C-alpha atoms as a PDB file:
ATOM      1  CA  UNK A   1      48.053 -64.151   9.371  1.00  0.00           C
ATOM      2  CA  UNK A   2      50.032 -67.300   8.656  1.00  0.00           C
ATOM      3  CA  UNK A   3      51.386 -69.295  11.586  1.00  0.00           C
ATOM      4  CA  UNK A   4      53.791 -72.275  11.416  1.00  0.00           C
ATOM      5  CA  UNK A   5      52.165 -75.685  11.917  1.00  0.00           C
ATOM      6  CA  UNK A   6      54.100 -77.663  14.570  1.00  0.00           C
ATOM      7  CA  UNK A   7      55.335 -81.060  13.361  1.00  0.00           C
ATOM      8  CA  UNK A   8      55.063 -80.174   9.650  1.00  0.00           C
ATOM      9  CA  UNK A   9      57.955 -79.639   7.248  1.00  0.00           C
ATOM     10  CA  UNK A  10      59.297 -76.146   6.893  1.00  0.00           C
ATOM     11  CA  UNK A  11      57.132 -74.038   4.586  1.00  0.00           C
ATOM     12  CA  UNK A  12      53.820 -75.565   5.694  1.00  0.00           C
ATOM     13  CA  UNK A  13      51.603 -72.921   7.210  1.00  0.00           C
ATOM     14  CA  UNK A  14      48.096 -72.619   8.568  1.00  0.00           C
ATOM     15  CA  UNK A  15      45.775 -69.696   8.977  1.00  0.00           C
ATOM     16  CA  UNK A  16      45.438 -68.235  12.477  1.00  0.00           C
ATOM     17  CA  UNK A  17      41.735 -68.205  13.402  1.00  0.00           C
ATOM     18  CA  UNK A  18      41.578 -66.994  16.995  1.00  0.00           C
ATOM     19  CA  UNK A  19      41.959 -63.269  16.551  1.00  0.00           C
ATOM     20  CA  UNK A  20      45.524 -63.709  15.348  1.00  0.00           C
ATOM     21  CA  UNK A  21      45.331 -60.964  12.763  1.00  0.00           C
ATOM     22  CA  UNK A  22      42.461 -62.408  10.712  1.00  0.00           C
ATOM     23  CA  UNK A  23      40.468 -59.494   9.302  1.00  0.00           C
ATOM     24  CA  UNK A  24      36.677 -59.435   8.950  1.00  0.00           C
ATOM     25  CA  UNK A  25      35.382 -59.712   5.376  1.00  0.00           C
ATOM     26  CA  UNK A  26      34.998 -56.632   3.196  1.00  0.00           C
ATOM     27  CA  UNK A  27      31.669 -54.822   2.944  1.00  0.00           C
ATOM     28  CA  UNK A  28      29.068 -56.471   0.666  1.00  0.00           C
ATOM     29  CA  UNK A  29      27.002 -54.601  -1.899  1.00  0.00           C
ATOM     30  CA  UNK A  30      23.649 -53.126  -0.892  1.00  0.00           C
ATOM     31  CA  UNK A  31      20.765 -55.621  -1.023  1.00  0.00           C
ATOM     32  CA  UNK A  32      18.778 -55.349  -4.261  1.00  0.00           C
ATOM     33  CA  UNK A  33      15.169 -56.460  -4.765  1.00  0.00           C
ATOM     34  CA  UNK A  34      13.963 -59.136  -7.170  1.00  0.00           C
ATOM     35  CA  UNK A  35      10.333 -60.227  -7.619  1.00  0.00           C
ATOM     36  CA  UNK A  36       9.350 -63.481  -5.921  1.00  0.00           C
ATOM     37  CA  UNK A  37       6.216 -65.068  -4.558  1.00  0.00           C
ATOM     38  CA  UNK A  38       5.576 -64.862  -0.826  1.00  0.00           C
ATOM     39  CA  UNK A  39       7.917 -62.049   0.122  1.00  0.00           C
ATOM     40  CA  UNK A  40      10.613 -59.621  -0.893  1.00  0.00           C
ATOM     41  CA  UNK A  41      13.481 -61.341  -2.696  1.00  0.00           C
ATOM     42  CA  UNK A  42      16.869 -59.775  -1.968  1.00  0.00           C
ATOM     43  CA  UNK A  43      20.335 -60.461  -3.328  1.00  0.00           C
ATOM     44  CA  UNK A  44      23.764 -58.934  -2.851  1.00  0.00           C
ATOM     45  CA  UNK A  45      27.377 -59.732  -3.626  1.00  0.00           C
ATOM     46  CA  UNK A  46      30.281 -59.882  -1.255  1.00  0.00           C
ATOM     47  CA  UNK A  47      33.824 -61.045  -0.662  1.00  0.00           C
ATOM     48  CA  UNK A  48      34.974 -64.648  -1.077  1.00  0.00           C
ATOM     49  CA  UNK A  49      36.150 -64.596   2.555  1.00  0.00           C
ATOM     50  CA  UNK A  50      32.570 -64.360   3.858  1.00  0.00           C
ATOM     51  CA  UNK A  51      31.173 -67.593   5.297  1.00  0.00           C
ATOM     52  CA  UNK A  52      27.650 -66.143   5.687  1.00  0.00           C
ATOM     53  CA  UNK A  53      25.742 -62.867   5.647  1.00  0.00           C
ATOM     54  CA  UNK A  54      23.370 -61.246   8.098  1.00  0.00           C
ATOM     55  CA  UNK A  55      20.446 -59.501   6.410  1.00  0.00           C
ATOM     56  CA  UNK A  56      18.843 -56.657   8.397  1.00  0.00           C
ATOM     57  CA  UNK A  57      15.605 -54.695   7.888  1.00  0.00           C
ATOM     58  CA  UNK A  58      14.251 -51.470   9.336  1.00  0.00           C
ATOM     59  CA  UNK A  59      11.406 -49.064   8.633  1.00  0.00           C
ATOM     60  CA  UNK A  60      12.433 -46.100   6.465  1.00  0.00           C
ATOM     61  CA  UNK A  61      14.070 -43.463   8.653  1.00  0.00           C
ATOM     62  CA  UNK A  62      14.289 -45.724  11.737  1.00  0.00           C
ATOM     63  CA  UNK A  63      17.566 -46.214  13.571  1.00  0.00           C
ATOM     64  CA  UNK A  64      17.165 -49.764  14.916  1.00  0.00           C
ATOM     65  CA  UNK A  65      17.836 -52.754  12.656  1.00  0.00           C
ATOM     66  CA  UNK A  66      16.122 -56.151  12.959  1.00  0.00           C
ATOM     67  CA  UNK A  67      17.934 -59.315  11.884  1.00  0.00           C
ATOM     68  CA  UNK A  68      15.823 -60.921   9.157  1.00  0.00           C
ATOM     69  CA  UNK A  69      17.984 -63.989   8.646  1.00  0.00           C
ATOM     70  CA  UNK A  70      21.462 -65.375   8.170  1.00  0.00           C
ATOM     71  CA  UNK A  71      21.941 -66.437   4.560  1.00  0.00           C
ATOM     72  CA  UNK A  72      24.272 -66.813   1.604  1.00  0.00           C
ATOM     73  CA  UNK A  73      23.994 -64.077  -1.032  1.00  0.00           C
ATOM     74  CA  UNK A  74      20.240 -64.380  -1.547  1.00  0.00           C
ATOM     75  CA  UNK A  75      17.222 -64.359   0.779  1.00  0.00           C
ATOM     76  CA  UNK A  76      13.448 -63.967   0.808  1.00  0.00           C
ATOM     77  CA  UNK A  77      11.916 -61.793   3.510  1.00  0.00           C
ATOM     78  CA  UNK A  78       8.396 -63.150   4.025  1.00  0.00           C
ATOM     79  CA  UNK A  79       7.866 -60.578   6.791  1.00  0.00           C
ATOM     80  CA  UNK A  80       7.536 -57.603   4.437  1.00  0.00           C
ATOM     81  CA  UNK A  81       3.850 -57.101   3.634  1.00  0.00           C
ATOM     82  CA  UNK A  82       2.650 -56.434   0.099  1.00  0.00           C
ATOM     83  CA  UNK A  83       2.822 -52.698  -0.626  1.00  0.00           C
ATOM     84  CA  UNK A  84       5.129 -52.041   2.363  1.00  0.00           C
ATOM     85  CA  UNK A  85       8.505 -50.288   2.157  1.00  0.00           C
ATOM     86  CA  UNK A  86      11.603 -51.246   4.146  1.00  0.00           C
ATOM     87  CA  UNK A  87      15.324 -50.538   4.192  1.00  0.00           C
ATOM     88  CA  UNK A  88      17.765 -53.461   4.031  1.00  0.00           C
ATOM     89  CA  UNK A  89      21.444 -53.821   4.797  1.00  0.00           C
ATOM     90  CA  UNK A  90      23.799 -56.824   4.806  1.00  0.00           C
ATOM     91  CA  UNK A  91      26.855 -57.645   6.897  1.00  0.00           C
ATOM     92  CA  UNK A  92      29.435 -60.201   5.726  1.00  0.00           C
ATOM     93  CA  UNK A  93      30.626 -62.597   8.432  1.00  0.00           C
ATOM     94  CA  UNK A  94      33.853 -64.610   8.223  1.00  0.00           C
ATOM     95  CA  UNK A  95      36.450 -66.240  10.448  1.00  0.00           C
ATOM     96  CA  UNK A  96      37.625 -62.757  11.448  1.00  0.00           C
ATOM     97  CA  UNK A  97      34.125 -61.827  12.668  1.00  0.00           C
ATOM     98  CA  UNK A  98      31.501 -59.536  11.146  1.00  0.00           C
ATOM     99  CA  UNK A  99      32.498 -56.834   8.683  1.00  0.00           C
ATOM    100  CA  UNK A 100      30.998 -53.411   8.102  1.00  0.00           C
ATOM    101  CA  UNK A 101      27.339 -52.849   7.237  1.00  0.00           C
ATOM    102  CA  UNK A 102      26.560 -52.431   3.528  1.00  0.00           C
ATOM    103  CA  UNK A 103      24.914 -49.427   1.960  1.00  0.00           C
ATOM    104  CA  UNK A 104      21.145 -49.345   2.404  1.00  0.00           C
ATOM    105  CA  UNK A 105      18.782 -50.711  -0.224  1.00  0.00           C
ATOM    106  CA  UNK A 106      15.194 -49.399   0.015  1.00  0.00           C
ATOM    107  CA  UNK A 107      12.552 -51.809  -1.256  1.00  0.00           C
ATOM    108  CA  UNK A 108       8.824 -51.459  -1.821  1.00  0.00           C
ATOM    109  CA  UNK A 109       7.215 -54.872  -2.193  1.00  0.00           C
ATOM    110  CA  UNK A 110       4.668 -55.009  -5.034  1.00  0.00           C
ATOM    111  CA  UNK A 111       1.027 -55.298  -4.007  1.00  0.00           C
ATOM    112  CA  UNK A 112       0.661 -58.524  -6.026  1.00  0.00           C
ATOM    113  CA  UNK A 113       3.105 -61.415  -6.132  1.00  0.00           C
ATOM    114  CA  UNK A 114       4.490 -62.205  -9.575  1.00  0.00           C
ATOM    115  CA  UNK A 115       2.817 -65.007 -11.470  1.00  0.00           C
ATOM    116  CA  UNK A 116       2.787 -66.280 -15.002  1.00  0.00           C
ATOM    117  CA  UNK A 117       2.595 -63.273 -17.275  1.00  0.00           C
ATOM    118  CA  UNK A 118       2.337 -60.840 -14.349  1.00  0.00           C
ATOM    119  CA  UNK A 119       4.090 -57.508 -14.540  1.00  0.00           C
ATOM    120  CA  UNK A 120       5.262 -56.024 -11.262  1.00  0.00           C
ATOM    121  CA  UNK A 121       6.712 -52.681 -10.328  1.00  0.00           C
ATOM    122  CA  UNK A 122       9.510 -52.153  -7.869  1.00  0.00           C
ATOM    123  CA  UNK A 123      11.442 -49.292  -6.386  1.00  0.00           C
ATOM    124  CA  UNK A 124      15.027 -49.562  -5.179  1.00  0.00           C
ATOM    125  CA  UNK A 125      17.113 -46.763  -3.742  1.00  0.00           C
ATOM    126  CA  UNK A 126      20.752 -47.218  -2.674  1.00  0.00           C
ATOM    127  CA  UNK A 127      22.356 -44.982  -0.070  1.00  0.00           C
ATOM    128  CA  UNK A 128      25.565 -45.104   1.917  1.00  0.00           C
ATOM    129  CA  UNK A 129      25.266 -44.982   5.702  1.00  0.00           C
ATOM    130  CA  UNK A 130      26.724 -41.912   7.332  1.00  0.00           C
END
């Protein structure tokens, strides 16, 4: 929502930041896995209005989410053990507060970290939350 700026010429406007109609950012894409050393690499895309993202993890089928970290559009989760499977979701945060949770990305971390010439397998499943 635009609000007039006192003391400025007509036509100058600012953006209201204190709950004055500023909407939360749109929902980001589901986190997707990429191979990295020392953890599960995750990336997602989101709206330009997001100032940061909250990345969450849970065990498959669980209901409670654990905040992994606050990040930009890429993060490494060092807490996921090799060979383990977890579900991830991201929330975009902006001046209007947090947006809706993304679809779920299911990741199985390879049992060996990638190295020079290494070939790794991965599994990713995307689902919408109900």
